[in-house]
Amino acid sequence: MAPTSANRGTLDEMLEDKINMGQWSKHEFKRNILPHRCYFFAGTGINSLKDKILNHFDKILLHENDLYERYIVKNNVKECSLVFQVYGASMAADLVHVLKDGESKEIIFFGAAFGMLSEMKVGDFVIPSKIQALDGIIKLCENESYALPDYSFVHKIKSIFDEKGILYYSGKSISIPSVFVKPKKELYDNDLIALEMELASVCYYAKKLDIKSAGVLVISDTVNKTLLDSQKDRYESMYLAFKTIHENL
């Protein structure tokens, strides 16, 4: 996350003092220690979705909105963090490190994805078990070609969806960390079911930093529907995914 002239000195000090944990989280969330779980919403969000999510909590303990929007919220005695409007793999990777600095233990990622199967519809769910990580104009997952979510976390989310009768696709997705610059087509695996931008970097760094992570993707566009078409089903599904996981995990 790029520093502004107003906070550059503070960020430089934090980067130099890596032993003193909690400085990055304090800068971003005003607290050294963050809640155990973070709900991580990538890409474009709308106020009605955020309002419905916030209605699940009794108190808003923190709300900041600059490069991305973030909350610390509380329901009874349980706190969690919420982040919205995280655009792109670089910002996502930085934010995972901030969450680690604040000693967060779980990240549940929600993002929009292009559906690569002909039968997919806007609003369908994908729970990836593996994410291919490809270069756009940057390479974030170092020398790794794949990123893996936490297997037990993925299994729990699938079990909850199964129990509630929520249908989903499961398999391999792909992350490309730029919108317009993409690798050659032959680099794509032939068994991919969804494409987005951030999940590989989230899962890669979460695993590296010993944070449990899993992703739920909601199909936003397909070969038959573009992002210019109605996104009502996408946001309704995004809320359903959050509500189901939050109430049962």
C-alpha atoms as a PDB file:
ATOM      1  CA  MET A   1       0.000   0.000   0.000  1.00  0.00           C
ATOM      2  CA  ALA A   2       1.679   3.157  -1.198  1.00  0.00           C
ATOM      3  CA  PRO A   3       2.526   5.693   1.524  1.00  0.00           C
ATOM      4  CA  THR A   4       1.392   9.297   1.255  1.00  0.00           C
ATOM      5  CA  SER A   5       3.667  12.203   2.092  1.00  0.00           C
ATOM      6  CA  ALA A   6       1.808  12.555   5.392  1.00  0.00           C
ATOM      7  CA  ASN A   7       2.547   9.047   6.637  1.00  0.00           C
ATOM      8  CA  ARG A   8       5.793   8.194   4.843  1.00  0.00           C
ATOM      9  CA  GLY A   9       7.991   8.750   7.870  1.00  0.00           C
ATOM     10  CA  THR A  10       5.849   6.510  10.023  1.00  0.00           C
ATOM     11  CA  LEU A  11       5.899   3.707   7.457  1.00  0.00           C
ATOM     12  CA  ASP A  12       9.660   3.942   7.020  1.00  0.00           C
ATOM     13  CA  GLU A  13      10.091   3.556  10.769  1.00  0.00           C
ATOM     14  CA  MET A  14       7.846   0.474  10.773  1.00  0.00           C
ATOM     15  CA  LEU A  15       9.763  -1.127   7.920  1.00  0.00           C
ATOM     16  CA  GLU A  16      13.049  -0.612   9.772  1.00  0.00           C
ATOM     17  CA  ASP A  17      11.754  -2.047  13.061  1.00  0.00           C
ATOM     18  CA  LYS A  18      10.566  -5.520  12.042  1.00  0.00           C
ATOM     19  CA  ILE A  19      10.949  -6.945  15.551  1.00  0.00           C
ATOM     20  CA  ASN A  20       8.265  -4.723  17.025  1.00  0.00           C
ATOM     21  CA  MET A  21       5.124  -6.533  15.884  1.00  0.00           C
ATOM     22  CA  GLY A  22       1.851  -4.683  15.671  1.00  0.00           C
ATOM     23  CA  GLN A  23       3.068  -1.406  14.195  1.00  0.00           C
ATOM     24  CA  TRP A  24       1.662  -2.045  10.724  1.00  0.00           C
ATOM     25  CA  SER A  25      -1.678  -3.208  12.131  1.00  0.00           C
ATOM     26  CA  LYS A  26      -1.788  -0.211  14.473  1.00  0.00           C
ATOM     27  CA  HIS A  27      -1.187   2.128  11.555  1.00  0.00           C
ATOM     28  CA  GLU A  28      -3.965   0.563   9.481  1.00  0.00           C
ATOM     29  CA  PHE A  29      -6.440  -0.611  12.134  1.00  0.00           C
ATOM     30  CA  LYS A  30      -5.451   1.508  15.172  1.00  0.00           C
ATOM     31  CA  ARG A  31      -4.712  -1.675  17.129  1.00  0.00           C
ATOM     32  CA  ASN A  32      -1.617  -3.798  17.668  1.00  0.00           C
ATOM     33  CA  ILE A  33      -3.623  -7.014  18.004  1.00  0.00           C
ATOM     34  CA  LEU A  34      -6.348  -7.718  15.461  1.00  0.00           C
ATOM     35  CA  PRO A  35      -9.303 -10.112  15.695  1.00  0.00           C
ATOM     36  CA  HIS A  36      -8.759 -13.802  15.027  1.00  0.00           C
ATOM     37  CA  ARG A  37     -10.721 -13.803  11.742  1.00  0.00           C
ATOM     38  CA  CYS A  38     -10.795 -11.426   8.792  1.00  0.00           C
ATOM     39  CA  TYR A  39     -13.497 -11.433   6.120  1.00  0.00           C
ATOM     40  CA  PHE A  40     -11.699 -10.210   3.005  1.00  0.00           C
ATOM     41  CA  PHE A  41     -13.788  -8.778   0.117  1.00  0.00           C
ATOM     42  CA  ALA A  42     -11.847  -8.129  -3.077  1.00  0.00           C
ATOM     43  CA  GLY A  43     -12.824  -5.808  -5.890  1.00  0.00           C
ATOM     44  CA  THR A  44     -15.869  -3.632  -6.291  1.00  0.00           C
ATOM     45  CA  GLY A  45     -18.383  -3.558  -3.476  1.00  0.00           C
ATOM     46  CA  ILE A  46     -21.692  -1.735  -3.146  1.00  0.00           C
ATOM     47  CA  ASN A  47     -23.087  -0.017  -0.086  1.00  0.00           C
ATOM     48  CA  SER A  48     -26.160  -2.232   0.135  1.00  0.00           C
ATOM     49  CA  LEU A  49     -23.939  -5.335   0.405  1.00  0.00           C
ATOM     50  CA  LYS A  50     -21.767  -3.745   3.088  1.00  0.00           C
ATOM     51  CA  ASP A  51     -24.814  -2.577   5.022  1.00  0.00           C
ATOM     52  CA  LYS A  52     -26.315  -6.087   5.046  1.00  0.00           C
ATOM     53  CA  ILE A  53     -23.014  -7.551   6.256  1.00  0.00           C
ATOM     54  CA  LEU A  54     -22.606  -4.906   8.962  1.00  0.00           C
ATOM     55  CA  ASN A  55     -26.122  -5.653  10.222  1.00  0.00           C
ATOM     56  CA  HIS A  56     -24.776  -8.987  11.514  1.00  0.00           C
ATOM     57  CA  PHE A  57     -22.783  -7.142  14.180  1.00  0.00           C
ATOM     58  CA  ASP A  58     -23.768  -5.213  17.289  1.00  0.00           C
ATOM     59  CA  LYS A  59     -20.955  -2.669  17.281  1.00  0.00           C
ATOM     60  CA  ILE A  60     -18.559  -1.047  14.840  1.00  0.00           C
ATOM     61  CA  LEU A  61     -15.342  -0.506  16.775  1.00  0.00           C
ATOM     62  CA  LEU A  62     -13.332   0.916  13.875  1.00  0.00           C
ATOM     63  CA  HIS A  63     -14.087   2.234  10.396  1.00  0.00           C
ATOM     64  CA  GLU A  64     -11.387   3.625   8.096  1.00  0.00           C
ATOM     65  CA  ASN A  65     -11.679   4.254   4.350  1.00  0.00           C
ATOM     66  CA  ASP A  66      -8.776   5.323   2.152  1.00  0.00           C
ATOM     67  CA  LEU A  67      -6.983   2.946  -0.227  1.00  0.00           C
ATOM     68  CA  TYR A  68      -9.393   0.263   0.946  1.00  0.00           C
ATOM     69  CA  GLU A  69     -12.232   0.173   3.473  1.00  0.00           C
ATOM     70  CA  ARG A  70     -11.771  -1.620   6.790  1.00  0.00           C
ATOM     71  CA  TYR A  71     -13.739  -2.318   9.905  1.00  0.00           C
ATOM     72  CA  ILE A  72     -13.331  -3.967  13.251  1.00  0.00           C
ATOM     73  CA  VAL A  73     -16.745  -5.165  14.372  1.00  0.00           C
ATOM     74  CA  LYS A  74     -18.150  -6.995  17.366  1.00  0.00           C
ATOM     75  CA  ASN A  75     -21.075  -9.337  17.961  1.00  0.00           C
ATOM     76  CA  ASN A  76     -21.630 -10.246  21.626  1.00  0.00           C
ATOM     77  CA  VAL A  77     -18.053 -10.910  22.784  1.00  0.00           C
ATOM     78  CA  LYS A  78     -16.647 -11.999  19.404  1.00  0.00           C
ATOM     79  CA  GLU A  79     -14.756  -9.569  17.198  1.00  0.00           C
ATOM     80  CA  CYS A  80     -13.685  -9.840  13.568  1.00  0.00           C
ATOM     81  CA  SER A  81     -12.231  -7.570  10.935  1.00  0.00           C
ATOM     82  CA  LEU A  82     -13.791  -6.761   7.577  1.00  0.00           C
ATOM     83  CA  VAL A  83     -11.951  -5.362   4.572  1.00  0.00           C
ATOM     84  CA  PHE A  84     -13.656  -4.157   1.396  1.00  0.00           C
ATOM     85  CA  GLN A  85     -12.561  -2.792  -1.978  1.00  0.00           C
ATOM     86  CA  VAL A  86      -9.193  -4.518  -2.061  1.00  0.00           C
ATOM     87  CA  TYR A  87      -8.168  -4.112  -5.693  1.00  0.00           C
ATOM     88  CA  GLY A  88      -5.464  -6.263  -7.206  1.00  0.00           C
ATOM     89  CA  ALA A  89      -2.902  -8.772  -6.083  1.00  0.00           C
ATOM     90  CA  SER A  90      -0.326  -6.273  -4.795  1.00  0.00           C
ATOM     91  CA  MET A  91      -2.727  -4.655  -2.353  1.00  0.00           C
ATOM     92  CA  ALA A  92      -4.017  -8.080  -1.313  1.00  0.00           C
ATOM     93  CA  ALA A  93      -0.492  -9.339  -0.596  1.00  0.00           C
ATOM     94  CA  ASP A  94       0.318  -6.243   1.455  1.00  0.00           C
ATOM     95  CA  LEU A  95      -2.859  -6.615   3.454  1.00  0.00           C
ATOM     96  CA  VAL A  96      -2.117 -10.249   4.329  1.00  0.00           C
ATOM     97  CA  HIS A  97       1.152  -9.039   5.850  1.00  0.00           C
ATOM     98  CA  VAL A  98      -0.672  -6.347   7.837  1.00  0.00           C
ATOM     99  CA  LEU A  99      -3.073  -8.985   9.163  1.00  0.00           C
ATOM    100  CA  LYS A 100      -0.139 -11.197  10.148  1.00  0.00           C
ATOM    101  CA  ASP A 101       1.473  -8.253  11.913  1.00  0.00           C
ATOM    102  CA  GLY A 102      -1.729  -7.959  13.944  1.00  0.00           C
ATOM    103  CA  GLU A 103      -1.668 -11.709  14.706  1.00  0.00           C
ATOM    104  CA  SER A 104      -4.804 -12.596  12.723  1.00  0.00           C
ATOM    105  CA  LYS A 105      -5.222 -16.365  12.312  1.00  0.00           C
ATOM    106  CA  GLU A 106      -7.889 -16.773   9.601  1.00  0.00           C
ATOM    107  CA  ILE A 107      -8.720 -15.134   6.291  1.00  0.00           C
ATOM    108  CA  ILE A 108     -11.923 -15.924   4.426  1.00  0.00           C
ATOM    109  CA  PHE A 109     -11.734 -14.416   0.960  1.00  0.00           C
ATOM    110  CA  PHE A 110     -14.731 -13.391  -1.152  1.00  0.00           C
ATOM    111  CA  GLY A 111     -14.139 -12.320  -4.732  1.00  0.00           C
ATOM    112  CA  ALA A 112     -15.706 -12.014  -8.154  1.00  0.00           C
ATOM    113  CA  ALA A 113     -14.539 -14.285 -10.945  1.00  0.00           C
ATOM    114  CA  PHE A 114     -15.020 -14.976 -14.632  1.00  0.00           C
ATOM    115  CA  GLY A 115     -16.728 -18.335 -15.077  1.00  0.00           C
ATOM    116  CA  MET A 116     -14.807 -20.536 -17.507  1.00  0.00           C
ATOM    117  CA  LEU A 117     -17.379 -23.324 -17.841  1.00  0.00           C
ATOM    118  CA  SER A 118     -20.092 -22.844 -20.447  1.00  0.00           C
ATOM    119  CA  GLU A 119     -22.904 -23.751 -18.047  1.00  0.00           C
ATOM    120  CA  MET A 120     -21.918 -21.212 -15.365  1.00  0.00           C
ATOM    121  CA  LYS A 121     -24.257 -18.338 -14.511  1.00  0.00           C
ATOM    122  CA  VAL A 122     -23.715 -15.010 -12.757  1.00  0.00           C
ATOM    123  CA  GLY A 123     -24.105 -15.672  -9.034  1.00  0.00           C
ATOM    124  CA  ASP A 124     -22.777 -19.235  -9.092  1.00  0.00           C
ATOM    125  CA  PHE A 125     -20.253 -20.213  -6.406  1.00  0.00           C
ATOM    126  CA  VAL A 126     -16.743 -21.604  -6.831  1.00  0.00           C
ATOM    127  CA  ILE A 127     -14.724 -22.916  -3.869  1.00  0.00           C
ATOM    128  CA  PRO A 128     -11.186 -23.360  -5.227  1.00  0.00           C
ATOM    129  CA  SER A 129      -8.982 -26.190  -3.980  1.00  0.00           C
ATOM    130  CA  LYS A 130      -5.951 -24.910  -5.914  1.00  0.00           C
ATOM    131  CA  ILE A 131      -5.096 -21.643  -7.640  1.00  0.00           C
ATOM    132  CA  GLN A 132      -2.784 -21.305 -10.604  1.00  0.00           C
ATOM    133  CA  ALA A 133      -0.648 -18.175 -10.217  1.00  0.00           C
ATOM    134  CA  LEU A 134       0.350 -16.482 -13.473  1.00  0.00           C
ATOM    135  CA  ASP A 135       2.245 -13.333 -14.265  1.00  0.00           C
ATOM    136  CA  GLY A 136       0.661 -10.241 -15.664  1.00  0.00           C
ATOM    137  CA  ILE A 137       3.019  -7.310 -15.385  1.00  0.00           C
ATOM    138  CA  ILE A 138       4.169  -8.502 -11.944  1.00  0.00           C
ATOM    139  CA  LYS A 139       5.001 -11.773 -10.220  1.00  0.00           C
ATOM    140  CA  LEU A 140       3.861 -11.984  -6.626  1.00  0.00           C
ATOM    141  CA  CYS A 141       4.043 -15.666  -5.737  1.00  0.00           C
ATOM    142  CA  GLU A 142       7.815 -15.741  -6.192  1.00  0.00           C
ATOM    143  CA  ASN A 143       8.823 -18.966  -7.969  1.00  0.00           C
ATOM    144  CA  GLU A 144       5.631 -20.875  -7.251  1.00  0.00           C
ATOM    145  CA  SER A 145       3.188 -21.746 -10.024  1.00  0.00           C
ATOM    146  CA  TYR A 146       0.336 -22.569  -7.649  1.00  0.00           C
ATOM    147  CA  ALA A 147      -1.107 -21.363  -4.353  1.00  0.00           C
ATOM    148  CA  LEU A 148      -3.025 -23.564  -1.952  1.00  0.00           C
ATOM    149  CA  PRO A 149      -5.726 -22.588   0.528  1.00  0.00           C
ATOM    150  CA  ASP A 150      -5.851 -24.385   3.865  1.00  0.00           C
ATOM    151  CA  TYR A 151      -7.327 -27.832   3.155  1.00  0.00           C
ATOM    152  CA  SER A 152      -9.188 -28.155   6.462  1.00  0.00           C
ATOM    153  CA  PHE A 153     -10.677 -24.670   6.081  1.00  0.00           C
ATOM    154  CA  VAL A 154     -11.873 -25.417   2.545  1.00  0.00           C
ATOM    155  CA  HIS A 155     -13.356 -28.712   3.726  1.00  0.00           C
ATOM    156  CA  LYS A 156     -15.309 -26.972   6.509  1.00  0.00           C
ATOM    157  CA  ILE A 157     -16.760 -24.392   4.119  1.00  0.00           C
ATOM    158  CA  LYS A 158     -17.755 -27.068   1.614  1.00  0.00           C
ATOM    159  CA  SER A 159     -19.387 -29.078   4.396  1.00  0.00           C
ATOM    160  CA  ILE A 160     -21.408 -26.047   5.497  1.00  0.00           C
ATOM    161  CA  PHE A 161     -22.565 -25.370   1.936  1.00  0.00           C
ATOM    162  CA  ASP A 162     -23.474 -29.043   1.532  1.00  0.00           C
ATOM    163  CA  GLU A 163     -25.442 -29.036   4.787  1.00  0.00           C
ATOM    164  CA  LYS A 164     -27.350 -25.902   3.751  1.00  0.00           C
ATOM    165  CA  GLY A 165     -28.032 -27.206   0.251  1.00  0.00           C
ATOM    166  CA  ILE A 166     -26.006 -24.488  -1.471  1.00  0.00           C
ATOM    167  CA  LEU A 167     -24.618 -25.685  -4.788  1.00  0.00           C
ATOM    168  CA  TYR A 168     -21.065 -24.815  -5.770  1.00  0.00           C
ATOM    169  CA  TYR A 169     -18.312 -25.725  -8.192  1.00  0.00           C
ATOM    170  CA  SER A 170     -15.050 -27.049  -6.790  1.00  0.00           C
ATOM    171  CA  GLY A 171     -11.742 -27.253  -8.587  1.00  0.00           C
ATOM    172  CA  LYS A 172      -8.869 -25.152  -9.825  1.00  0.00           C
ATOM    173  CA  SER A 173      -9.081 -21.409 -10.394  1.00  0.00           C
ATOM    174  CA  ILE A 174      -6.487 -19.000 -11.734  1.00  0.00           C
ATOM    175  CA  SER A 175      -5.235 -15.581 -10.608  1.00  0.00           C
ATOM    176  CA  ILE A 176      -3.686 -13.070 -13.013  1.00  0.00           C
ATOM    177  CA  PRO A 177      -2.464  -9.955 -11.163  1.00  0.00           C
ATOM    178  CA  SER A 178      -3.269  -7.400 -13.868  1.00  0.00           C
ATOM    179  CA  VAL A 179      -6.332  -6.524 -15.884  1.00  0.00           C
ATOM    180  CA  PHE A 180      -4.989  -5.867 -19.366  1.00  0.00           C
ATOM    181  CA  VAL A 181      -1.575  -7.587 -19.497  1.00  0.00           C
ATOM    182  CA  LYS A 182      -1.980 -11.353 -19.575  1.00  0.00           C
ATOM    183  CA  PRO A 183       0.333 -14.286 -20.265  1.00  0.00           C
ATOM    184  CA  LYS A 184       0.207 -16.301 -23.442  1.00  0.00           C
ATOM    185  CA  LYS A 185      -2.786 -18.571 -23.678  1.00  0.00           C
ATOM    186  CA  GLU A 186      -0.764 -21.784 -23.685  1.00  0.00           C
ATOM    187  CA  LEU A 187       0.370 -21.109 -20.113  1.00  0.00           C
ATOM    188  CA  TYR A 188      -3.126 -21.714 -18.792  1.00  0.00           C
ATOM    189  CA  ASP A 189      -3.872 -25.134 -17.307  1.00  0.00           C
ATOM    190  CA  ASN A 190      -6.610 -26.976 -19.164  1.00  0.00           C
ATOM    191  CA  ASP A 191      -8.772 -27.760 -16.122  1.00  0.00           C
ATOM    192  CA  LEU A 192      -9.505 -24.249 -14.840  1.00  0.00           C
ATOM    193  CA  ILE A 193     -13.020 -23.240 -13.869  1.00  0.00           C
ATOM    194  CA  ALA A 194     -12.728 -19.578 -12.796  1.00  0.00           C
ATOM    195  CA  LEU A 195     -10.426 -16.580 -13.274  1.00  0.00           C
ATOM    196  CA  GLU A 196      -9.803 -13.597 -10.979  1.00  0.00           C
ATOM    197  CA  MET A 197      -6.932 -11.428  -9.738  1.00  0.00           C
ATOM    198  CA  GLU A 198      -6.205 -11.692  -6.014  1.00  0.00           C
ATOM    199  CA  LEU A 199      -6.770 -15.137  -4.515  1.00  0.00           C
ATOM    200  CA  ALA A 200      -3.404 -16.715  -5.392  1.00  0.00           C
ATOM    201  CA  SER A 201      -1.462 -13.957  -3.620  1.00  0.00           C
ATOM    202  CA  VAL A 202      -3.766 -14.130  -0.584  1.00  0.00           C
ATOM    203  CA  CYS A 203      -3.430 -17.915  -0.201  1.00  0.00           C
ATOM    204  CA  TYR A 204       0.275 -17.962  -1.040  1.00  0.00           C
ATOM    205  CA  TYR A 205       1.260 -15.406   1.589  1.00  0.00           C
ATOM    206  CA  ALA A 206      -1.274 -16.640   4.126  1.00  0.00           C
ATOM    207  CA  LYS A 207       0.288 -20.099   3.984  1.00  0.00           C
ATOM    208  CA  LYS A 208       3.784 -18.637   4.142  1.00  0.00           C
ATOM    209  CA  LEU A 209       2.825 -16.582   7.207  1.00  0.00           C
ATOM    210  CA  ASP A 210       0.912 -19.400   8.939  1.00  0.00           C
ATOM    211  CA  ILE A 211      -2.581 -17.955   8.505  1.00  0.00           C
ATOM    212  CA  LYS A 212      -5.454 -20.235   7.556  1.00  0.00           C
ATOM    213  CA  SER A 213      -7.090 -19.104   4.332  1.00  0.00           C
ATOM    214  CA  ALA A 214      -9.872 -20.170   2.008  1.00  0.00           C
ATOM    215  CA  GLY A 215     -11.710 -18.486  -0.828  1.00  0.00           C
ATOM    216  CA  VAL A 216     -15.263 -18.349  -2.089  1.00  0.00           C
ATOM    217  CA  LEU A 217     -15.593 -16.927  -5.590  1.00  0.00           C
ATOM    218  CA  VAL A 218     -18.849 -15.642  -7.034  1.00  0.00           C
ATOM    219  CA  ILE A 219     -19.233 -15.678 -10.797  1.00  0.00           C
ATOM    220  CA  SER A 220     -19.616 -12.103 -12.062  1.00  0.00           C
ATOM    221  CA  ASP A 221     -19.289 -12.662 -15.809  1.00  0.00           C
ATOM    222  CA  THR A 222     -19.208 -15.519 -18.294  1.00  0.00           C
ATOM    223  CA  VAL A 223     -18.849 -16.124 -22.013  1.00  0.00           C
ATOM    224  CA  ASN A 224     -22.512 -15.061 -22.267  1.00  0.00           C
ATOM    225  CA  LYS A 225     -22.661 -12.262 -19.671  1.00  0.00           C
ATOM    226  CA  THR A 226     -20.325  -9.309 -19.216  1.00  0.00           C
ATOM    227  CA  LEU A 227     -19.648  -7.064 -16.220  1.00  0.00           C
ATOM    228  CA  LEU A 228     -21.840  -4.477 -17.939  1.00  0.00           C
ATOM    229  CA  ASP A 229     -24.849  -6.735 -17.455  1.00  0.00           C
ATOM    230  CA  SER A 230     -26.811  -6.836 -14.188  1.00  0.00           C
ATOM    231  CA  GLN A 231     -24.726  -7.782 -11.153  1.00  0.00           C
ATOM    232  CA  LYS A 232     -27.689  -8.197  -8.791  1.00  0.00           C
ATOM    233  CA  ASP A 233     -27.266 -11.992  -8.625  1.00  0.00           C
ATOM    234  CA  ARG A 234     -23.549 -11.610  -7.905  1.00  0.00           C
ATOM    235  CA  TYR A 235     -24.095  -9.395  -4.862  1.00  0.00           C
ATOM    236  CA  GLU A 236     -26.960 -11.482  -3.555  1.00  0.00           C
ATOM    237  CA  SER A 237     -24.743 -14.572  -3.758  1.00  0.00           C
ATOM    238  CA  MET A 238     -21.836 -12.739  -2.111  1.00  0.00           C
ATOM    239  CA  TYR A 239     -24.058 -11.887   0.840  1.00  0.00           C
ATOM    240  CA  LEU A 240     -25.428 -15.441   1.040  1.00  0.00           C
ATOM    241  CA  ALA A 241     -21.883 -16.834   1.129  1.00  0.00           C
ATOM    242  CA  PHE A 242     -20.850 -14.484   3.931  1.00  0.00           C
ATOM    243  CA  LYS A 243     -24.034 -15.065   5.954  1.00  0.00           C
ATOM    244  CA  THR A 244     -23.791 -18.839   5.651  1.00  0.00           C
ATOM    245  CA  ILE A 245     -20.142 -19.002   6.672  1.00  0.00           C
ATOM    246  CA  HIS A 246     -20.408 -16.394   9.425  1.00  0.00           C
ATOM    247  CA  GLU A 247     -23.379 -18.109  11.071  1.00  0.00           C
ATOM    248  CA  ASN A 248     -22.030 -21.648  10.833  1.00  0.00           C
ATOM    249  CA  LEU A 249     -18.222 -21.613  10.983  1.00  0.00           C
END
